[in-house]
Amino acid sequence: MRCCCADAGRAPRQRGSAPLRDEEDSALNARVAAGDRGAFQLLVLRHEGRLRAFLARVAGSDADDLAQEAFVRAWQRAGDYRGQGSYAAWVMGIGWRIFLDQRRTTRRREGLAERDEAPASDAPHSRSDAAIDANRLLAGLSPQERAALTLCFGHGWSHGEAAEIMGLPLGTLKSLVLRGRAKARTLITEGAEP
């Protein structure tokens, strides 16, 4: 078992305890559906760190607002969760769909056709800069690629779980992961060249 301090903002995946935790989350959510605010607070405490960390990677500075909206919707729709899949994946899926909705709305308002928005770095991008940080790498990817890589490699979700969160077929998710990794490798290679 890994220490939770090993990966900041990332909850350790404990496969042996996952079914028990899923059962506890389902029981807590049943209480939430009946109006129990205390049970909801427990669910928020359990899952907000991972949700915020994921949304920070895909949405940048809007992560806190998106996470808050995701939990508001989870409260409102507690009766919709039927215990199929983990509660964590259900909440992450809500956050992902809110991000996509916000992005579509922003594009319509600003009249941006097909341009993917990525969190911009204030630092100048130098091809000779050998120390490319994760945020700059992720900024060079589409939001879907960022989300797929963040879920699978940053948060430890399986490809199947990540596909469920993003509402995609498994093959599509795997393609996003492969494409994102290839783009990241290219960015690393270009950044390391003198």
N, C-alpha and C. Protein backbone atom coordinates (compact mmCIF):
# COMPACT_ATOMS: atom_id res chain seq x y z
N MET A 1 0.85 -1.18 0.00
CA MET A 1 0.00 0.00 0.00
C MET A 1 0.89 1.23 0.00
N ARG A 2 0.54 2.21 -0.82
CA ARG A 2 1.31 3.44 -0.93
C ARG A 2 0.82 4.46 0.08
N CYS A 3 1.69 5.34 0.45
CA CYS A 3 1.35 6.44 1.33
C CYS A 3 0.59 7.50 0.54
N CYS A 4 -0.42 8.10 1.15
CA CYS A 4 -1.20 9.11 0.44
C CYS A 4 -0.38 10.36 0.17
N CYS A 5 0.76 10.51 0.84
CA CYS A 5 1.61 11.68 0.62
C CYS A 5 2.46 11.54 -0.64
N ALA A 6 2.52 10.32 -1.18
CA ALA A 6 3.38 10.08 -2.34
C ALA A 6 2.95 10.88 -3.55
N ASP A 7 1.69 11.07 -3.74
CA ASP A 7 1.19 11.80 -4.90
C ASP A 7 0.21 12.87 -4.42
N ALA A 8 0.68 14.10 -4.35
CA ALA A 8 -0.17 15.19 -3.88
C ALA A 8 -1.39 15.32 -4.76
N GLY A 9 -2.56 15.47 -4.15
CA GLY A 9 -3.79 15.65 -4.89
C GLY A 9 -4.32 14.37 -5.49
N ARG A 10 -3.69 13.25 -5.14
CA ARG A 10 -4.11 11.98 -5.73
C ARG A 10 -4.36 10.99 -4.62
N ALA A 11 -5.55 10.50 -4.54
CA ALA A 11 -5.88 9.51 -3.54
C ALA A 11 -5.33 8.16 -3.97
N PRO A 12 -4.73 7.40 -3.04
CA PRO A 12 -4.20 6.10 -3.42
C PRO A 12 -5.33 5.14 -3.79
N ARG A 13 -5.08 4.31 -4.77
CA ARG A 13 -6.05 3.31 -5.19
C ARG A 13 -5.77 2.05 -4.39
N GLN A 14 -6.69 1.66 -3.56
CA GLN A 14 -6.55 0.46 -2.77
C GLN A 14 -7.57 -0.54 -3.29
N ARG A 15 -7.12 -1.43 -4.14
CA ARG A 15 -8.02 -2.37 -4.81
C ARG A 15 -8.78 -3.24 -3.81
N GLY A 16 -8.13 -3.67 -2.77
CA GLY A 16 -8.79 -4.56 -1.82
C GLY A 16 -9.94 -3.91 -1.08
N SER A 17 -9.86 -2.62 -0.85
CA SER A 17 -10.89 -1.93 -0.07
C SER A 17 -11.92 -1.25 -0.95
N ALA A 18 -11.74 -1.29 -2.28
CA ALA A 18 -12.65 -0.57 -3.19
C ALA A 18 -14.10 -1.04 -3.06
N PRO A 19 -14.38 -2.35 -3.04
CA PRO A 19 -15.79 -2.76 -2.92
C PRO A 19 -16.42 -2.28 -1.62
N LEU A 20 -15.69 -2.32 -0.52
CA LEU A 20 -16.22 -1.85 0.75
C LEU A 20 -16.50 -0.35 0.69
N ARG A 21 -15.57 0.40 0.14
CA ARG A 21 -15.74 1.85 0.03
C ARG A 21 -16.92 2.17 -0.89
N ASP A 22 -17.05 1.43 -2.00
CA ASP A 22 -18.17 1.64 -2.91
C ASP A 22 -19.50 1.38 -2.20
N GLU A 23 -19.54 0.33 -1.38
CA GLU A 23 -20.76 0.04 -0.62
C GLU A 23 -21.06 1.15 0.38
N GLU A 24 -20.02 1.65 1.04
CA GLU A 24 -20.21 2.75 2.00
C GLU A 24 -20.72 4.00 1.28
N ASP A 25 -20.11 4.30 0.11
CA ASP A 25 -20.54 5.46 -0.66
C ASP A 25 -21.98 5.31 -1.12
N SER A 26 -22.36 4.11 -1.54
CA SER A 26 -23.75 3.87 -1.96
C SER A 26 -24.71 4.08 -0.80
N ALA A 27 -24.34 3.58 0.37
CA ALA A 27 -25.19 3.76 1.55
C ALA A 27 -25.30 5.23 1.93
N LEU A 28 -24.18 5.95 1.88
CA LEU A 28 -24.20 7.38 2.18
C LEU A 28 -25.06 8.12 1.16
N ASN A 29 -24.94 7.76 -0.11
CA ASN A 29 -25.72 8.44 -1.14
C ASN A 29 -27.21 8.16 -0.97
N ALA A 30 -27.58 6.97 -0.52
CA ALA A 30 -28.99 6.67 -0.26
C ALA A 30 -29.52 7.62 0.83
N ARG A 31 -28.68 7.88 1.82
CA ARG A 31 -29.08 8.84 2.86
C ARG A 31 -29.17 10.25 2.29
N VAL A 32 -28.26 10.60 1.38
CA VAL A 32 -28.30 11.91 0.74
C VAL A 32 -29.59 12.07 -0.05
N ALA A 33 -30.00 11.03 -0.76
CA ALA A 33 -31.23 11.07 -1.55
C ALA A 33 -32.44 11.33 -0.64
N ALA A 34 -32.32 10.94 0.62
CA ALA A 34 -33.39 11.17 1.59
C ALA A 34 -33.24 12.53 2.29
N GLY A 35 -32.21 13.31 1.89
CA GLY A 35 -32.05 14.66 2.44
C GLY A 35 -31.03 14.80 3.54
N ASP A 36 -30.21 13.80 3.80
CA ASP A 36 -29.23 13.83 4.89
C ASP A 36 -28.00 14.64 4.48
N ARG A 37 -27.89 15.86 5.00
CA ARG A 37 -26.76 16.74 4.66
C ARG A 37 -25.45 16.24 5.25
N GLY A 38 -25.49 15.62 6.41
CA GLY A 38 -24.27 15.08 7.02
C GLY A 38 -23.64 13.99 6.17
N ALA A 39 -24.47 13.13 5.60
CA ALA A 39 -23.96 12.08 4.71
C ALA A 39 -23.33 12.70 3.47
N PHE A 40 -23.95 13.77 2.98
CA PHE A 40 -23.40 14.43 1.80
C PHE A 40 -22.05 15.07 2.12
N GLN A 41 -21.92 15.66 3.29
CA GLN A 41 -20.64 16.24 3.68
C GLN A 41 -19.54 15.18 3.70
N LEU A 42 -19.87 13.99 4.17
CA LEU A 42 -18.89 12.90 4.17
C LEU A 42 -18.47 12.53 2.74
N LEU A 43 -19.45 12.45 1.84
CA LEU A 43 -19.12 12.13 0.45
C LEU A 43 -18.26 13.23 -0.18
N VAL A 44 -18.57 14.47 0.12
CA VAL A 44 -17.77 15.57 -0.42
C VAL A 44 -16.34 15.48 0.12
N LEU A 45 -16.18 15.24 1.40
CA LEU A 45 -14.85 15.12 1.98
C LEU A 45 -14.06 13.98 1.35
N ARG A 46 -14.72 12.88 1.07
CA ARG A 46 -14.05 11.73 0.47
C ARG A 46 -13.60 11.99 -0.96
N HIS A 47 -14.37 12.76 -1.72
CA HIS A 47 -14.14 12.81 -3.15
C HIS A 47 -13.73 14.17 -3.72
N GLU A 48 -13.78 15.23 -2.92
CA GLU A 48 -13.50 16.54 -3.51
C GLU A 48 -12.06 16.73 -3.93
N GLY A 49 -11.11 16.16 -3.22
CA GLY A 49 -9.70 16.33 -3.58
C GLY A 49 -9.39 15.78 -4.96
N ARG A 50 -9.85 14.57 -5.22
CA ARG A 50 -9.61 13.95 -6.53
C ARG A 50 -10.34 14.71 -7.63
N LEU A 51 -11.58 15.11 -7.35
CA LEU A 51 -12.36 15.83 -8.36
C LEU A 51 -11.70 17.16 -8.70
N ARG A 52 -11.31 17.91 -7.68
CA ARG A 52 -10.66 19.21 -7.92
C ARG A 52 -9.33 19.04 -8.66
N ALA A 53 -8.55 18.04 -8.28
CA ALA A 53 -7.26 17.82 -8.95
C ALA A 53 -7.47 17.47 -10.43
N PHE A 54 -8.45 16.62 -10.71
CA PHE A 54 -8.75 16.26 -12.09
C PHE A 54 -9.20 17.49 -12.88
N LEU A 55 -10.13 18.25 -12.32
CA LEU A 55 -10.65 19.42 -13.03
C LEU A 55 -9.58 20.50 -13.19
N ALA A 56 -8.66 20.60 -12.24
CA ALA A 56 -7.57 21.58 -12.37
C ALA A 56 -6.71 21.24 -13.58
N ARG A 57 -6.51 19.97 -13.84
CA ARG A 57 -5.71 19.56 -15.00
C ARG A 57 -6.43 19.82 -16.31
N VAL A 58 -7.74 19.62 -16.35
CA VAL A 58 -8.45 19.78 -17.62
C VAL A 58 -9.01 21.18 -17.82
N ALA A 59 -9.33 21.88 -16.74
CA ALA A 59 -10.00 23.18 -16.87
C ALA A 59 -9.19 24.35 -16.35
N GLY A 60 -8.09 24.10 -15.68
CA GLY A 60 -7.27 25.20 -15.17
C GLY A 60 -7.92 25.93 -14.01
N SER A 61 -7.97 27.23 -14.11
CA SER A 61 -8.41 28.07 -12.99
C SER A 61 -9.90 27.94 -12.66
N ASP A 62 -10.68 27.36 -13.54
CA ASP A 62 -12.12 27.19 -13.27
C ASP A 62 -12.43 25.95 -12.45
N ALA A 63 -11.42 25.19 -12.04
CA ALA A 63 -11.63 23.90 -11.38
C ALA A 63 -12.49 23.99 -10.13
N ASP A 64 -12.25 24.98 -9.28
CA ASP A 64 -13.01 25.06 -8.04
C ASP A 64 -14.50 25.31 -8.30
N ASP A 65 -14.79 26.21 -9.23
CA ASP A 65 -16.19 26.48 -9.57
C ASP A 65 -16.86 25.24 -10.17
N LEU A 66 -16.14 24.55 -11.03
CA LEU A 66 -16.69 23.34 -11.66
C LEU A 66 -16.93 22.24 -10.63
N ALA A 67 -15.98 22.08 -9.71
CA ALA A 67 -16.14 21.06 -8.67
C ALA A 67 -17.34 21.38 -7.78
N GLN A 68 -17.49 22.65 -7.43
CA GLN A 68 -18.63 23.05 -6.61
C GLN A 68 -19.94 22.75 -7.33
N GLU A 69 -20.00 23.08 -8.61
CA GLU A 69 -21.20 22.81 -9.40
C GLU A 69 -21.45 21.30 -9.50
N ALA A 70 -20.38 20.53 -9.63
CA ALA A 70 -20.54 19.07 -9.70
C ALA A 70 -21.16 18.53 -8.41
N PHE A 71 -20.73 19.04 -7.27
CA PHE A 71 -21.30 18.56 -6.01
C PHE A 71 -22.73 19.06 -5.81
N VAL A 72 -23.03 20.25 -6.30
CA VAL A 72 -24.42 20.73 -6.24
C VAL A 72 -25.31 19.78 -7.03
N ARG A 73 -24.87 19.41 -8.23
CA ARG A 73 -25.66 18.48 -9.05
C ARG A 73 -25.74 17.10 -8.43
N ALA A 74 -24.64 16.65 -7.80
CA ALA A 74 -24.66 15.35 -7.13
C ALA A 74 -25.69 15.36 -6.00
N TRP A 75 -25.80 16.47 -5.28
CA TRP A 75 -26.82 16.60 -4.23
C TRP A 75 -28.21 16.55 -4.85
N GLN A 76 -28.41 17.34 -5.91
CA GLN A 76 -29.72 17.42 -6.53
C GLN A 76 -30.14 16.10 -7.18
N ARG A 77 -29.19 15.35 -7.67
CA ARG A 77 -29.50 14.12 -8.42
C ARG A 77 -29.08 12.86 -7.67
N ALA A 78 -29.00 12.95 -6.36
CA ALA A 78 -28.56 11.80 -5.57
C ALA A 78 -29.42 10.56 -5.85
N GLY A 79 -30.68 10.77 -6.11
CA GLY A 79 -31.57 9.65 -6.41
C GLY A 79 -31.29 8.98 -7.74
N ASP A 80 -30.54 9.65 -8.62
CA ASP A 80 -30.20 9.08 -9.93
C ASP A 80 -29.07 8.06 -9.85
N TYR A 81 -28.25 8.13 -8.80
CA TYR A 81 -27.14 7.18 -8.67
C TYR A 81 -27.69 5.87 -8.14
N ARG A 82 -27.49 4.81 -8.90
CA ARG A 82 -28.06 3.50 -8.57
C ARG A 82 -27.03 2.50 -8.07
N GLY A 83 -25.82 2.96 -7.81
CA GLY A 83 -24.80 2.06 -7.30
C GLY A 83 -24.10 1.26 -8.37
N GLN A 84 -24.35 1.57 -9.64
CA GLN A 84 -23.66 0.88 -10.72
C GLN A 84 -22.37 1.66 -10.98
N GLY A 85 -21.23 1.03 -10.78
CA GLY A 85 -19.96 1.73 -10.85
C GLY A 85 -19.73 2.46 -9.53
N SER A 86 -18.57 3.04 -9.39
CA SER A 86 -18.25 3.70 -8.13
C SER A 86 -18.87 5.10 -8.07
N TYR A 87 -19.14 5.54 -6.87
CA TYR A 87 -19.66 6.89 -6.65
C TYR A 87 -18.63 7.91 -7.13
N ALA A 88 -17.34 7.62 -6.89
CA ALA A 88 -16.27 8.53 -7.32
C ALA A 88 -16.33 8.74 -8.83
N ALA A 89 -16.50 7.67 -9.58
CA ALA A 89 -16.58 7.79 -11.05
C ALA A 89 -17.83 8.56 -11.45
N TRP A 90 -18.91 8.37 -10.73
CA TRP A 90 -20.16 9.08 -11.03
C TRP A 90 -19.97 10.60 -10.84
N VAL A 91 -19.35 10.99 -9.75
CA VAL A 91 -19.12 12.42 -9.47
C VAL A 91 -18.11 13.00 -10.46
N MET A 92 -17.06 12.23 -10.78
CA MET A 92 -16.08 12.71 -11.76
C MET A 92 -16.75 12.90 -13.11
N GLY A 93 -17.64 12.00 -13.48
CA GLY A 93 -18.38 12.13 -14.73
C GLY A 93 -19.24 13.38 -14.76
N ILE A 94 -19.86 13.70 -13.64
CA ILE A 94 -20.65 14.93 -13.55
C ILE A 94 -19.74 16.13 -13.78
N GLY A 95 -18.58 16.15 -13.11
CA GLY A 95 -17.64 17.26 -13.27
C GLY A 95 -17.16 17.37 -14.71
N TRP A 96 -16.88 16.26 -15.35
CA TRP A 96 -16.42 16.27 -16.75
C TRP A 96 -17.50 16.85 -17.66
N ARG A 97 -18.75 16.42 -17.48
CA ARG A 97 -19.83 16.93 -18.33
C ARG A 97 -20.09 18.42 -18.10
N ILE A 98 -19.94 18.88 -16.88
CA ILE A 98 -20.09 20.31 -16.59
C ILE A 98 -18.99 21.09 -17.31
N PHE A 99 -17.75 20.57 -17.26
CA PHE A 99 -16.65 21.21 -17.97
C PHE A 99 -16.96 21.30 -19.46
N LEU A 100 -17.42 20.20 -20.06
CA LEU A 100 -17.73 20.22 -21.49
C LEU A 100 -18.85 21.21 -21.80
N ASP A 101 -19.89 21.25 -20.96
CA ASP A 101 -20.99 22.20 -21.17
C ASP A 101 -20.48 23.64 -21.09
N GLN A 102 -19.65 23.92 -20.09
CA GLN A 102 -19.11 25.27 -19.93
C GLN A 102 -18.26 25.65 -21.14
N ARG A 103 -17.47 24.72 -21.62
CA ARG A 103 -16.61 24.99 -22.77
C ARG A 103 -17.43 25.27 -24.02
N ARG A 104 -18.49 24.51 -24.23
CA ARG A 104 -19.37 24.74 -25.39
C ARG A 104 -20.04 26.11 -25.29
N THR A 105 -20.51 26.45 -24.11
CA THR A 105 -21.16 27.74 -23.91
C THR A 105 -20.19 28.89 -24.16
N THR A 106 -18.99 28.75 -23.65
CA THR A 106 -17.98 29.79 -23.84
C THR A 106 -17.66 29.96 -25.32
N ARG A 107 -17.53 28.85 -26.00
CA ARG A 107 -17.25 28.91 -27.44
C ARG A 107 -18.36 29.63 -28.19
N ARG A 108 -19.59 29.31 -27.87
CA ARG A 108 -20.72 29.98 -28.54
C ARG A 108 -20.70 31.47 -28.29
N ARG A 109 -20.50 31.85 -27.03
CA ARG A 109 -20.49 33.27 -26.68
C ARG A 109 -19.38 34.01 -27.38
N GLU A 110 -18.22 33.44 -27.41
CA GLU A 110 -17.07 34.12 -27.98
C GLU A 110 -16.93 33.90 -29.48
N GLY A 111 -17.78 33.03 -30.02
CA GLY A 111 -17.75 32.79 -31.45
C GLY A 111 -16.53 32.01 -31.91
N LEU A 112 -15.94 31.26 -31.01
CA LEU A 112 -14.78 30.45 -31.38
C LEU A 112 -15.27 29.15 -31.98
N ALA A 113 -14.89 28.90 -33.19
CA ALA A 113 -15.38 27.72 -33.91
C ALA A 113 -14.78 26.42 -33.36
N GLU A 114 -13.69 25.98 -33.89
CA GLU A 114 -13.16 24.68 -33.54
C GLU A 114 -11.84 24.74 -32.78
N ARG A 115 -11.56 25.82 -32.12
CA ARG A 115 -10.28 25.95 -31.42
C ARG A 115 -10.37 25.38 -30.01
N ASP A 116 -9.55 24.45 -29.67
CA ASP A 116 -9.50 23.89 -28.32
C ASP A 116 -8.82 24.88 -27.39
N GLU A 117 -9.44 25.08 -26.24
CA GLU A 117 -8.84 25.95 -25.24
C GLU A 117 -7.98 25.10 -24.33
N ALA A 118 -6.81 25.60 -24.00
CA ALA A 118 -5.92 24.93 -23.06
C ALA A 118 -5.40 25.97 -22.09
N PRO A 119 -5.23 25.60 -20.80
CA PRO A 119 -4.67 26.55 -19.86
C PRO A 119 -3.30 27.01 -20.36
N ALA A 120 -3.14 28.31 -20.47
CA ALA A 120 -1.90 28.86 -21.00
C ALA A 120 -0.89 29.07 -19.87
N SER A 121 0.35 28.88 -20.19
CA SER A 121 1.42 29.13 -19.25
C SER A 121 1.92 30.55 -19.46
N ASP A 122 2.25 31.23 -18.37
CA ASP A 122 2.78 32.59 -18.48
C ASP A 122 4.24 32.57 -18.94
N ALA A 123 4.90 31.43 -18.77
CA ALA A 123 6.30 31.34 -19.14
C ALA A 123 6.44 31.22 -20.65
N PRO A 124 7.46 31.87 -21.22
CA PRO A 124 7.67 31.71 -22.67
C PRO A 124 8.06 30.27 -22.98
N HIS A 125 7.61 29.78 -24.14
CA HIS A 125 7.89 28.41 -24.55
C HIS A 125 9.18 28.39 -25.35
N SER A 126 10.19 27.83 -24.79
CA SER A 126 11.49 27.75 -25.45
C SER A 126 11.74 26.32 -25.88
N ARG A 127 12.12 26.14 -27.13
CA ARG A 127 12.41 24.80 -27.63
C ARG A 127 13.65 24.24 -26.94
N SER A 128 14.52 25.09 -26.43
CA SER A 128 15.74 24.60 -25.79
C SER A 128 15.53 24.32 -24.31
N ASP A 129 14.37 24.59 -23.80
CA ASP A 129 14.08 24.35 -22.39
C ASP A 129 13.88 22.87 -22.16
N ALA A 130 14.85 22.22 -21.52
CA ALA A 130 14.79 20.77 -21.31
C ALA A 130 13.85 20.38 -20.19
N ALA A 131 13.51 21.30 -19.32
CA ALA A 131 12.67 21.00 -18.16
C ALA A 131 11.23 21.40 -18.45
N ILE A 132 10.54 20.58 -19.22
CA ILE A 132 9.13 20.85 -19.53
C ILE A 132 8.31 20.29 -18.38
N ASP A 133 7.49 21.13 -17.75
CA ASP A 133 6.68 20.66 -16.65
C ASP A 133 5.37 20.05 -17.14
N ALA A 134 4.71 19.33 -16.26
CA ALA A 134 3.49 18.62 -16.62
C ALA A 134 2.40 19.56 -17.11
N ASN A 135 2.27 20.72 -16.51
CA ASN A 135 1.23 21.65 -16.94
C ASN A 135 1.44 22.12 -18.37
N ARG A 136 2.66 22.41 -18.73
CA ARG A 136 2.94 22.82 -20.11
C ARG A 136 2.69 21.68 -21.07
N LEU A 137 3.05 20.47 -20.68
CA LEU A 137 2.79 19.32 -21.53
C LEU A 137 1.29 19.16 -21.75
N LEU A 138 0.54 19.19 -20.66
CA LEU A 138 -0.90 19.01 -20.77
C LEU A 138 -1.56 20.14 -21.54
N ALA A 139 -1.02 21.34 -21.44
CA ALA A 139 -1.60 22.48 -22.16
C ALA A 139 -1.51 22.30 -23.67
N GLY A 140 -0.57 21.48 -24.12
CA GLY A 140 -0.42 21.23 -25.54
C GLY A 140 -1.37 20.18 -26.09
N LEU A 141 -2.18 19.61 -25.23
CA LEU A 141 -3.11 18.55 -25.63
C LEU A 141 -4.53 19.09 -25.70
N SER A 142 -5.40 18.38 -26.40
CA SER A 142 -6.81 18.75 -26.41
C SER A 142 -7.40 18.46 -25.02
N PRO A 143 -8.52 19.07 -24.66
CA PRO A 143 -9.13 18.80 -23.36
C PRO A 143 -9.44 17.31 -23.15
N GLN A 144 -9.86 16.62 -24.20
CA GLN A 144 -10.17 15.20 -24.07
C GLN A 144 -8.90 14.39 -23.81
N GLU A 145 -7.82 14.72 -24.50
CA GLU A 145 -6.56 14.03 -24.28
C GLU A 145 -6.03 14.31 -22.87
N ARG A 146 -6.13 15.58 -22.43
CA ARG A 146 -5.70 15.94 -21.07
C ARG A 146 -6.49 15.13 -20.05
N ALA A 147 -7.80 15.07 -20.24
CA ALA A 147 -8.64 14.36 -19.28
C ALA A 147 -8.30 12.88 -19.26
N ALA A 148 -8.13 12.26 -20.42
CA ALA A 148 -7.84 10.83 -20.49
C ALA A 148 -6.51 10.52 -19.81
N LEU A 149 -5.47 11.31 -20.10
CA LEU A 149 -4.17 11.08 -19.49
C LEU A 149 -4.20 11.35 -17.98
N THR A 150 -4.89 12.41 -17.59
CA THR A 150 -4.97 12.74 -16.17
C THR A 150 -5.69 11.65 -15.39
N LEU A 151 -6.80 11.15 -15.92
CA LEU A 151 -7.54 10.10 -15.23
C LEU A 151 -6.72 8.81 -15.13
N CYS A 152 -6.11 8.40 -16.24
CA CYS A 152 -5.40 7.12 -16.26
C CYS A 152 -4.04 7.15 -15.59
N PHE A 153 -3.28 8.21 -15.80
CA PHE A 153 -1.93 8.23 -15.26
C PHE A 153 -1.80 9.12 -14.03
N GLY A 154 -2.59 10.17 -13.94
CA GLY A 154 -2.50 11.06 -12.80
C GLY A 154 -3.34 10.62 -11.61
N HIS A 155 -4.44 9.92 -11.90
CA HIS A 155 -5.34 9.52 -10.81
C HIS A 155 -5.48 8.02 -10.67
N GLY A 156 -4.86 7.25 -11.54
CA GLY A 156 -4.84 5.81 -11.39
C GLY A 156 -6.11 5.08 -11.79
N TRP A 157 -7.01 5.71 -12.52
CA TRP A 157 -8.22 5.03 -12.98
C TRP A 157 -7.84 4.06 -14.09
N SER A 158 -8.55 2.97 -14.20
CA SER A 158 -8.34 2.05 -15.31
C SER A 158 -8.91 2.69 -16.57
N HIS A 159 -8.57 2.14 -17.72
CA HIS A 159 -9.12 2.67 -18.97
C HIS A 159 -10.64 2.56 -18.96
N GLY A 160 -11.16 1.46 -18.47
CA GLY A 160 -12.62 1.27 -18.41
C GLY A 160 -13.29 2.31 -17.52
N GLU A 161 -12.69 2.57 -16.35
CA GLU A 161 -13.25 3.57 -15.44
C GLU A 161 -13.19 4.96 -16.05
N ALA A 162 -12.05 5.28 -16.68
CA ALA A 162 -11.91 6.59 -17.32
C ALA A 162 -12.92 6.76 -18.45
N ALA A 163 -13.15 5.70 -19.21
CA ALA A 163 -14.14 5.75 -20.29
C ALA A 163 -15.53 6.01 -19.72
N GLU A 164 -15.84 5.38 -18.59
CA GLU A 164 -17.14 5.59 -17.94
C GLU A 164 -17.28 7.04 -17.48
N ILE A 165 -16.23 7.57 -16.86
CA ILE A 165 -16.26 8.95 -16.36
C ILE A 165 -16.49 9.93 -17.51
N MET A 166 -15.79 9.71 -18.62
CA MET A 166 -15.87 10.63 -19.74
C MET A 166 -17.05 10.34 -20.66
N GLY A 167 -17.76 9.25 -20.41
CA GLY A 167 -18.92 8.91 -21.23
C GLY A 167 -18.52 8.51 -22.65
N LEU A 168 -17.42 7.78 -22.76
CA LEU A 168 -16.89 7.39 -24.07
C LEU A 168 -16.81 5.87 -24.18
N PRO A 169 -16.83 5.36 -25.40
CA PRO A 169 -16.54 3.93 -25.57
C PRO A 169 -15.09 3.66 -25.17
N LEU A 170 -14.80 2.46 -24.72
CA LEU A 170 -13.47 2.11 -24.26
C LEU A 170 -12.43 2.32 -25.35
N GLY A 171 -12.73 1.94 -26.58
CA GLY A 171 -11.78 2.11 -27.67
C GLY A 171 -11.43 3.56 -27.92
N THR A 172 -12.41 4.45 -27.81
CA THR A 172 -12.17 5.88 -28.00
C THR A 172 -11.25 6.41 -26.91
N LEU A 173 -11.50 5.98 -25.68
CA LEU A 173 -10.66 6.41 -24.56
C LEU A 173 -9.22 5.94 -24.79
N LYS A 174 -9.05 4.70 -25.19
CA LYS A 174 -7.70 4.19 -25.43
C LYS A 174 -7.01 4.96 -26.55
N SER A 175 -7.75 5.33 -27.58
CA SER A 175 -7.18 6.14 -28.66
C SER A 175 -6.74 7.51 -28.15
N LEU A 176 -7.55 8.13 -27.29
CA LEU A 176 -7.18 9.43 -26.72
C LEU A 176 -5.90 9.31 -25.90
N VAL A 177 -5.79 8.24 -25.12
CA VAL A 177 -4.59 8.04 -24.31
C VAL A 177 -3.36 7.88 -25.21
N LEU A 178 -3.47 7.04 -26.23
CA LEU A 178 -2.34 6.83 -27.14
C LEU A 178 -1.96 8.12 -27.86
N ARG A 179 -2.96 8.84 -28.36
CA ARG A 179 -2.69 10.10 -29.07
C ARG A 179 -2.07 11.14 -28.13
N GLY A 180 -2.61 11.23 -26.92
CA GLY A 180 -2.07 12.18 -25.94
C GLY A 180 -0.65 11.86 -25.55
N ARG A 181 -0.35 10.58 -25.36
CA ARG A 181 1.02 10.18 -25.02
C ARG A 181 1.97 10.50 -26.16
N ALA A 182 1.53 10.24 -27.39
CA ALA A 182 2.38 10.53 -28.55
C ALA A 182 2.66 12.03 -28.65
N LYS A 183 1.63 12.85 -28.46
CA LYS A 183 1.83 14.30 -28.51
C LYS A 183 2.76 14.76 -27.39
N ALA A 184 2.59 14.19 -26.20
CA ALA A 184 3.44 14.56 -25.07
C ALA A 184 4.89 14.19 -25.36
N ARG A 185 5.13 13.00 -25.92
CA ARG A 185 6.49 12.60 -26.28
C ARG A 185 7.09 13.58 -27.28
N THR A 186 6.29 13.99 -28.26
CA THR A 186 6.78 14.96 -29.26
C THR A 186 7.14 16.27 -28.59
N LEU A 187 6.29 16.75 -27.69
CA LEU A 187 6.58 18.00 -26.98
C LEU A 187 7.85 17.89 -26.14
N ILE A 188 8.05 16.74 -25.51
CA ILE A 188 9.26 16.54 -24.71
C ILE A 188 10.49 16.54 -25.61
N THR A 189 10.39 15.83 -26.73
CA THR A 189 11.51 15.76 -27.67
C THR A 189 11.84 17.14 -28.23
N GLU A 190 10.83 17.89 -28.63
CA GLU A 190 11.05 19.23 -29.17
C GLU A 190 11.62 20.15 -28.12
N GLY A 191 11.17 20.01 -26.88
CA GLY A 191 11.66 20.87 -25.81
C GLY A 191 13.07 20.56 -25.40
N ALA A 192 13.53 19.32 -25.65
CA ALA A 192 14.87 18.93 -25.24
C ALA A 192 15.92 19.24 -26.30
N GLU A 193 15.49 19.52 -27.53
CA GLU A 193 16.44 19.81 -28.59
C GLU A 193 17.06 21.20 -28.40
N PRO A 194 18.38 21.33 -28.62
CA PRO A 194 19.03 22.65 -28.46
C PRO A 194 18.70 23.59 -29.60
